[in-house]
Amino acid sequence: MTPAQRTEAYPTDRFTRFVGIEEVLLEDEGRIRAEIKLEDHHFNEGGVVHGGLLATLLDVVMGSAVVSTIDLEGGEWCATQSLTTDFIRPGTEGTLYALGEVDRRGQLAANAVGTVHNEDEDTIARATGVWAIRRSQR
């Protein structure tokens, strides 16, 4: 697997593309946006967006926001250490968009916040999380 490249549109990994997120867009260093068009397989038996999809979407935008602040060329990498998700209202159709932003960045960890919204700008879910930041031993 090749290391991440810092561009305005981050290529996503295979799992992220599998769930339907093709790219995440860099709005500014430490701030990311992504969209997903809802398909039949994104819904649970109750007819609303599966919570796992919402958590994945939040993890992607928040983690990508952290990635936008690290020194990839210098061997830094990050991994989700904790993710707390609040499900606010059901998602039912159309396209969802998510925003992730670094709230605080230290040498060993970064705190990020994220939200998912529907086409009417209603908040569907929100999350906070911590990303461990490490430097590889090359």
N, C-alpha and C. Protein backbone atom coordinates (compact mmCIF):
# COMPACT_ATOMS: atom_id res chain seq x y z
N MET A 1 0.85 -1.18 0.00
CA MET A 1 0.00 0.00 0.00
C MET A 1 0.89 1.24 0.00
N THR A 2 0.59 2.19 -0.83
CA THR A 2 1.40 3.40 -0.90
C THR A 2 0.98 4.37 0.20
N PRO A 3 1.90 5.19 0.68
CA PRO A 3 1.56 6.15 1.72
C PRO A 3 0.60 7.22 1.19
N ALA A 4 -0.13 7.84 2.10
CA ALA A 4 -1.07 8.90 1.72
C ALA A 4 -0.31 10.06 1.08
N GLN A 5 -0.95 10.69 0.14
CA GLN A 5 -0.41 11.88 -0.51
C GLN A 5 -1.29 13.06 -0.11
N ARG A 6 -0.69 14.20 0.17
CA ARG A 6 -1.47 15.36 0.55
C ARG A 6 -1.87 16.13 -0.71
N THR A 7 -3.16 16.13 -1.02
CA THR A 7 -3.70 16.86 -2.17
C THR A 7 -5.01 17.49 -1.74
N GLU A 8 -5.66 18.24 -2.63
CA GLU A 8 -6.96 18.82 -2.29
C GLU A 8 -8.04 17.76 -2.20
N ALA A 9 -7.92 16.69 -2.96
CA ALA A 9 -8.87 15.58 -2.88
C ALA A 9 -8.09 14.34 -2.47
N TYR A 10 -8.33 13.87 -1.28
CA TYR A 10 -7.63 12.70 -0.78
C TYR A 10 -8.20 11.45 -1.43
N PRO A 11 -7.38 10.60 -2.00
CA PRO A 11 -7.90 9.31 -2.44
C PRO A 11 -8.26 8.51 -1.19
N THR A 12 -9.29 7.72 -1.29
CA THR A 12 -9.72 6.95 -0.13
C THR A 12 -9.22 5.52 -0.24
N ASP A 13 -9.22 4.83 0.87
CA ASP A 13 -8.78 3.43 0.86
C ASP A 13 -9.91 2.54 0.33
N ARG A 14 -9.60 1.27 0.18
CA ARG A 14 -10.57 0.33 -0.41
C ARG A 14 -11.84 0.22 0.42
N PHE A 15 -11.73 0.17 1.74
CA PHE A 15 -12.92 0.04 2.58
C PHE A 15 -13.81 1.27 2.44
N THR A 16 -13.20 2.44 2.47
CA THR A 16 -13.98 3.68 2.37
C THR A 16 -14.71 3.76 1.04
N ARG A 17 -14.03 3.39 -0.05
CA ARG A 17 -14.70 3.36 -1.36
C ARG A 17 -15.79 2.31 -1.39
N PHE A 18 -15.57 1.17 -0.73
CA PHE A 18 -16.56 0.09 -0.69
C PHE A 18 -17.87 0.58 -0.09
N VAL A 19 -17.79 1.40 0.96
CA VAL A 19 -19.03 1.89 1.57
C VAL A 19 -19.65 3.05 0.79
N GLY A 20 -18.91 3.63 -0.16
CA GLY A 20 -19.49 4.65 -1.02
C GLY A 20 -18.87 6.03 -0.94
N ILE A 21 -17.79 6.18 -0.20
CA ILE A 21 -17.10 7.47 -0.08
C ILE A 21 -15.93 7.44 -1.05
N GLU A 22 -16.03 8.16 -2.16
CA GLU A 22 -14.99 8.12 -3.19
C GLU A 22 -13.80 9.02 -2.89
N GLU A 23 -14.05 10.18 -2.31
CA GLU A 23 -12.96 11.09 -1.98
C GLU A 23 -13.38 12.00 -0.85
N VAL A 24 -12.39 12.53 -0.17
CA VAL A 24 -12.64 13.54 0.85
C VAL A 24 -11.90 14.80 0.42
N LEU A 25 -12.51 15.92 0.62
CA LEU A 25 -11.97 17.18 0.10
C LEU A 25 -11.35 18.01 1.21
N LEU A 26 -10.15 18.48 0.97
CA LEU A 26 -9.44 19.34 1.90
C LEU A 26 -9.98 20.76 1.76
N GLU A 27 -10.68 21.25 2.78
CA GLU A 27 -11.18 22.63 2.74
C GLU A 27 -10.11 23.59 3.23
N ASP A 28 -9.32 23.15 4.18
CA ASP A 28 -8.24 23.93 4.75
C ASP A 28 -7.42 22.96 5.60
N GLU A 29 -6.19 23.30 5.92
CA GLU A 29 -5.42 22.38 6.77
C GLU A 29 -6.20 22.15 8.05
N GLY A 30 -6.42 20.89 8.36
CA GLY A 30 -7.16 20.54 9.56
C GLY A 30 -8.67 20.54 9.40
N ARG A 31 -9.18 20.70 8.17
CA ARG A 31 -10.63 20.71 7.93
C ARG A 31 -10.95 19.97 6.63
N ILE A 32 -11.81 18.96 6.74
CA ILE A 32 -12.13 18.06 5.63
C ILE A 32 -13.64 17.96 5.45
N ARG A 33 -14.05 17.76 4.19
CA ARG A 33 -15.46 17.54 3.86
C ARG A 33 -15.57 16.31 2.96
N ALA A 34 -16.62 15.52 3.16
CA ALA A 34 -16.89 14.37 2.30
C ALA A 34 -18.39 14.22 2.14
N GLU A 35 -18.80 13.61 1.04
CA GLU A 35 -20.22 13.36 0.78
C GLU A 35 -20.42 11.89 0.45
N ILE A 36 -21.63 11.41 0.70
CA ILE A 36 -21.99 10.06 0.32
C ILE A 36 -23.44 10.06 -0.15
N LYS A 37 -23.65 9.51 -1.32
CA LYS A 37 -25.00 9.36 -1.85
C LYS A 37 -25.55 8.06 -1.29
N LEU A 38 -26.67 8.16 -0.60
CA LEU A 38 -27.23 6.99 0.06
C LEU A 38 -27.82 6.01 -0.93
N GLU A 39 -27.49 4.73 -0.73
CA GLU A 39 -27.97 3.63 -1.56
C GLU A 39 -28.76 2.69 -0.65
N ASP A 40 -29.48 1.75 -1.24
CA ASP A 40 -30.30 0.80 -0.46
C ASP A 40 -29.50 0.09 0.62
N HIS A 41 -28.26 -0.30 0.31
CA HIS A 41 -27.47 -1.07 1.27
C HIS A 41 -26.96 -0.25 2.46
N HIS A 42 -27.18 1.06 2.47
CA HIS A 42 -26.76 1.91 3.59
C HIS A 42 -27.79 1.95 4.72
N PHE A 43 -28.95 1.36 4.51
CA PHE A 43 -30.04 1.45 5.48
C PHE A 43 -30.17 0.20 6.32
N ASN A 44 -30.57 0.39 7.58
CA ASN A 44 -30.81 -0.76 8.45
C ASN A 44 -32.24 -1.28 8.25
N GLU A 45 -32.61 -2.28 9.02
CA GLU A 45 -33.94 -2.88 8.88
C GLU A 45 -35.05 -1.90 9.24
N GLY A 46 -34.75 -0.86 9.99
CA GLY A 46 -35.74 0.15 10.36
C GLY A 46 -35.94 1.21 9.29
N GLY A 47 -35.17 1.12 8.20
CA GLY A 47 -35.34 2.06 7.10
C GLY A 47 -34.57 3.36 7.23
N VAL A 48 -33.62 3.42 8.18
CA VAL A 48 -32.80 4.62 8.34
C VAL A 48 -31.33 4.26 8.13
N VAL A 49 -30.51 5.26 7.92
CA VAL A 49 -29.08 5.03 7.68
C VAL A 49 -28.48 4.27 8.86
N HIS A 50 -27.72 3.24 8.55
CA HIS A 50 -27.07 2.42 9.57
C HIS A 50 -26.07 3.27 10.36
N GLY A 51 -26.09 3.12 11.67
CA GLY A 51 -25.17 3.87 12.53
C GLY A 51 -23.71 3.59 12.22
N GLY A 52 -23.41 2.38 11.76
CA GLY A 52 -22.03 2.05 11.40
C GLY A 52 -21.53 2.87 10.23
N LEU A 53 -22.42 3.18 9.29
CA LEU A 53 -22.04 4.02 8.16
C LEU A 53 -21.74 5.44 8.65
N LEU A 54 -22.58 5.96 9.55
CA LEU A 54 -22.37 7.30 10.08
C LEU A 54 -21.05 7.37 10.85
N ALA A 55 -20.77 6.36 11.67
CA ALA A 55 -19.51 6.33 12.42
C ALA A 55 -18.32 6.25 11.47
N THR A 56 -18.44 5.45 10.41
CA THR A 56 -17.38 5.36 9.41
C THR A 56 -17.15 6.70 8.74
N LEU A 57 -18.21 7.35 8.32
CA LEU A 57 -18.11 8.66 7.67
C LEU A 57 -17.42 9.66 8.58
N LEU A 58 -17.78 9.67 9.85
CA LEU A 58 -17.14 10.58 10.81
C LEU A 58 -15.67 10.23 11.02
N ASP A 59 -15.36 8.95 11.14
CA ASP A 59 -13.97 8.52 11.31
C ASP A 59 -13.12 8.95 10.11
N VAL A 60 -13.69 8.83 8.92
CA VAL A 60 -12.97 9.20 7.69
C VAL A 60 -12.66 10.70 7.66
N VAL A 61 -13.66 11.55 7.89
CA VAL A 61 -13.40 12.99 7.78
C VAL A 61 -12.55 13.51 8.93
N MET A 62 -12.75 12.98 10.13
CA MET A 62 -11.95 13.44 11.26
C MET A 62 -10.51 12.95 11.14
N GLY A 63 -10.34 11.68 10.76
CA GLY A 63 -8.99 11.15 10.58
C GLY A 63 -8.26 11.84 9.44
N SER A 64 -8.97 12.13 8.35
CA SER A 64 -8.36 12.85 7.23
C SER A 64 -7.98 14.27 7.62
N ALA A 65 -8.77 14.89 8.49
CA ALA A 65 -8.42 16.22 8.99
C ALA A 65 -7.10 16.15 9.76
N VAL A 66 -6.93 15.12 10.57
CA VAL A 66 -5.67 14.95 11.29
C VAL A 66 -4.53 14.69 10.31
N VAL A 67 -4.75 13.82 9.33
CA VAL A 67 -3.73 13.53 8.32
C VAL A 67 -3.26 14.82 7.64
N SER A 68 -4.18 15.76 7.43
CA SER A 68 -3.80 17.01 6.75
C SER A 68 -2.83 17.85 7.58
N THR A 69 -2.62 17.50 8.85
CA THR A 69 -1.72 18.28 9.71
C THR A 69 -0.41 17.56 10.02
N ILE A 70 -0.27 16.31 9.58
CA ILE A 70 0.94 15.57 9.95
C ILE A 70 2.00 15.64 8.85
N ASP A 71 3.21 15.30 9.21
CA ASP A 71 4.35 15.32 8.29
C ASP A 71 4.50 13.94 7.66
N LEU A 72 3.77 13.71 6.57
CA LEU A 72 3.81 12.41 5.91
C LEU A 72 5.20 12.08 5.39
N GLU A 73 5.86 13.07 4.79
CA GLU A 73 7.19 12.85 4.22
C GLU A 73 8.21 12.55 5.31
N GLY A 74 7.97 13.06 6.51
CA GLY A 74 8.88 12.82 7.63
C GLY A 74 8.58 11.54 8.38
N GLY A 75 7.60 10.77 7.91
CA GLY A 75 7.32 9.48 8.52
C GLY A 75 6.24 9.49 9.58
N GLU A 76 5.56 10.62 9.77
CA GLU A 76 4.47 10.62 10.75
C GLU A 76 3.27 9.86 10.21
N TRP A 77 2.53 9.24 11.09
CA TRP A 77 1.29 8.58 10.74
C TRP A 77 0.35 8.72 11.93
N CYS A 78 -0.92 8.42 11.72
CA CYS A 78 -1.87 8.52 12.82
C CYS A 78 -2.88 7.38 12.74
N ALA A 79 -3.52 7.13 13.86
CA ALA A 79 -4.54 6.09 13.94
C ALA A 79 -5.59 6.51 14.97
N THR A 80 -6.82 6.16 14.70
CA THR A 80 -7.90 6.48 15.63
C THR A 80 -7.64 5.79 16.96
N GLN A 81 -7.65 6.58 18.02
CA GLN A 81 -7.46 6.04 19.36
C GLN A 81 -8.80 5.90 20.06
N SER A 82 -9.67 6.89 19.88
CA SER A 82 -11.03 6.81 20.43
C SER A 82 -11.96 7.62 19.56
N LEU A 83 -13.22 7.18 19.51
CA LEU A 83 -14.24 7.87 18.73
C LEU A 83 -15.56 7.74 19.47
N THR A 84 -16.13 8.88 19.84
CA THR A 84 -17.42 8.90 20.53
C THR A 84 -18.43 9.54 19.60
N THR A 85 -19.48 8.80 19.30
CA THR A 85 -20.46 9.25 18.31
C THR A 85 -21.83 9.42 18.95
N ASP A 86 -22.47 10.54 18.64
CA ASP A 86 -23.85 10.80 19.05
C ASP A 86 -24.72 10.79 17.81
N PHE A 87 -25.77 9.97 17.83
CA PHE A 87 -26.71 9.89 16.72
C PHE A 87 -27.89 10.80 17.06
N ILE A 88 -28.08 11.88 16.28
CA ILE A 88 -29.03 12.94 16.62
C ILE A 88 -30.41 12.68 16.04
N ARG A 89 -30.46 12.38 14.76
CA ARG A 89 -31.73 12.11 14.08
C ARG A 89 -31.48 11.14 12.94
N PRO A 90 -32.52 10.47 12.48
CA PRO A 90 -32.31 9.48 11.42
C PRO A 90 -32.02 10.12 10.07
N GLY A 91 -31.14 9.48 9.33
CA GLY A 91 -30.93 9.83 7.92
C GLY A 91 -31.83 8.92 7.10
N THR A 92 -32.53 9.48 6.12
CA THR A 92 -33.51 8.67 5.42
C THR A 92 -33.36 8.61 3.91
N GLU A 93 -32.71 9.60 3.29
CA GLU A 93 -32.57 9.56 1.83
C GLU A 93 -31.62 10.64 1.35
N GLY A 94 -31.29 10.56 0.07
CA GLY A 94 -30.50 11.61 -0.57
C GLY A 94 -29.01 11.47 -0.34
N THR A 95 -28.37 12.61 -0.14
CA THR A 95 -26.93 12.69 0.06
C THR A 95 -26.64 13.26 1.43
N LEU A 96 -25.68 12.67 2.11
CA LEU A 96 -25.21 13.20 3.38
C LEU A 96 -23.84 13.82 3.16
N TYR A 97 -23.52 14.86 3.93
CA TYR A 97 -22.17 15.38 3.90
C TYR A 97 -21.63 15.45 5.32
N ALA A 98 -20.35 15.29 5.44
CA ALA A 98 -19.69 15.29 6.74
C ALA A 98 -18.54 16.28 6.74
N LEU A 99 -18.34 16.89 7.89
CA LEU A 99 -17.23 17.81 8.10
C LEU A 99 -16.40 17.30 9.27
N GLY A 100 -15.10 17.30 9.11
CA GLY A 100 -14.19 16.94 10.20
C GLY A 100 -13.17 18.05 10.38
N GLU A 101 -12.85 18.31 11.65
CA GLU A 101 -11.92 19.41 11.93
C GLU A 101 -11.06 19.07 13.14
N VAL A 102 -9.78 19.40 13.03
CA VAL A 102 -8.86 19.22 14.16
C VAL A 102 -9.15 20.33 15.15
N ASP A 103 -9.42 19.92 16.38
CA ASP A 103 -9.72 20.86 17.47
C ASP A 103 -8.44 21.25 18.22
N ARG A 104 -7.56 20.26 18.39
CA ARG A 104 -6.29 20.49 19.08
C ARG A 104 -5.28 19.48 18.55
N ARG A 105 -4.06 19.95 18.32
CA ARG A 105 -3.01 19.08 17.78
C ARG A 105 -1.78 19.18 18.64
N GLY A 106 -1.38 18.06 19.25
CA GLY A 106 -0.14 18.00 20.01
C GLY A 106 0.88 17.16 19.26
N GLN A 107 2.00 16.84 19.91
CA GLN A 107 3.02 16.02 19.26
C GLN A 107 2.63 14.56 19.18
N LEU A 108 1.90 14.05 20.18
CA LEU A 108 1.57 12.63 20.23
C LEU A 108 0.11 12.32 19.98
N ALA A 109 -0.74 13.35 19.94
CA ALA A 109 -2.17 13.11 19.75
C ALA A 109 -2.84 14.36 19.18
N ALA A 110 -3.96 14.11 18.53
CA ALA A 110 -4.79 15.21 18.02
C ALA A 110 -6.24 14.93 18.40
N ASN A 111 -6.95 15.97 18.78
CA ASN A 111 -8.38 15.88 19.05
C ASN A 111 -9.12 16.44 17.84
N ALA A 112 -10.17 15.75 17.44
CA ALA A 112 -10.96 16.20 16.28
C ALA A 112 -12.44 16.12 16.60
N VAL A 113 -13.20 16.94 15.87
CA VAL A 113 -14.66 16.94 15.98
C VAL A 113 -15.23 16.76 14.58
N GLY A 114 -16.44 16.20 14.52
CA GLY A 114 -17.05 15.99 13.22
C GLY A 114 -18.57 16.02 13.31
N THR A 115 -19.19 16.33 12.18
CA THR A 115 -20.65 16.33 12.08
C THR A 115 -21.06 15.75 10.74
N VAL A 116 -22.24 15.13 10.71
CA VAL A 116 -22.85 14.65 9.48
C VAL A 116 -24.18 15.36 9.34
N HIS A 117 -24.45 15.85 8.11
CA HIS A 117 -25.67 16.62 7.84
C HIS A 117 -26.41 16.04 6.64
N ASN A 118 -27.73 16.25 6.63
CA ASN A 118 -28.51 15.85 5.45
C ASN A 118 -28.61 17.03 4.49
N GLU A 119 -29.35 16.85 3.41
CA GLU A 119 -29.47 17.90 2.39
C GLU A 119 -30.18 19.15 2.91
N ASP A 120 -30.97 19.01 3.99
CA ASP A 120 -31.65 20.15 4.60
C ASP A 120 -30.81 20.85 5.65
N GLU A 121 -29.53 20.45 5.77
CA GLU A 121 -28.58 21.00 6.74
C GLU A 121 -28.85 20.57 8.18
N ASP A 122 -29.76 19.60 8.39
CA ASP A 122 -30.00 19.07 9.73
C ASP A 122 -28.80 18.22 10.14
N THR A 123 -28.41 18.30 11.41
CA THR A 123 -27.34 17.46 11.91
C THR A 123 -27.89 16.07 12.18
N ILE A 124 -27.27 15.08 11.57
CA ILE A 124 -27.67 13.68 11.71
C ILE A 124 -26.87 13.02 12.84
N ALA A 125 -25.58 13.31 12.89
CA ALA A 125 -24.69 12.72 13.90
C ALA A 125 -23.53 13.66 14.14
N ARG A 126 -22.90 13.50 15.30
CA ARG A 126 -21.70 14.27 15.61
C ARG A 126 -20.76 13.37 16.40
N ALA A 127 -19.49 13.72 16.39
CA ALA A 127 -18.51 12.88 17.09
C ALA A 127 -17.34 13.72 17.56
N THR A 128 -16.67 13.18 18.56
CA THR A 128 -15.38 13.68 19.00
C THR A 128 -14.44 12.48 19.03
N GLY A 129 -13.16 12.75 18.86
CA GLY A 129 -12.22 11.64 18.87
C GLY A 129 -10.80 12.08 19.11
N VAL A 130 -9.97 11.10 19.37
CA VAL A 130 -8.54 11.32 19.59
C VAL A 130 -7.78 10.43 18.62
N TRP A 131 -6.77 11.00 17.96
CA TRP A 131 -5.91 10.25 17.03
C TRP A 131 -4.50 10.23 17.60
N ALA A 132 -3.94 9.04 17.73
CA ALA A 132 -2.56 8.89 18.14
C ALA A 132 -1.68 9.28 16.96
N ILE A 133 -0.62 10.01 17.23
CA ILE A 133 0.32 10.43 16.19
C ILE A 133 1.69 9.84 16.53
N ARG A 134 2.27 9.13 15.57
CA ARG A 134 3.56 8.48 15.77
C ARG A 134 4.47 8.77 14.59
N ARG A 135 5.74 8.56 14.78
CA ARG A 135 6.73 8.69 13.70
C ARG A 135 7.32 7.31 13.47
N SER A 136 7.30 6.88 12.22
CA SER A 136 7.84 5.56 11.90
C SER A 136 9.36 5.58 12.07
N GLN A 137 9.92 4.44 12.38
CA GLN A 137 11.35 4.28 12.56
C GLN A 137 11.96 3.80 11.25
N ARG A 138 12.25 4.70 10.32
CA ARG A 138 12.80 4.33 9.00
C ARG A 138 14.27 4.11 9.05
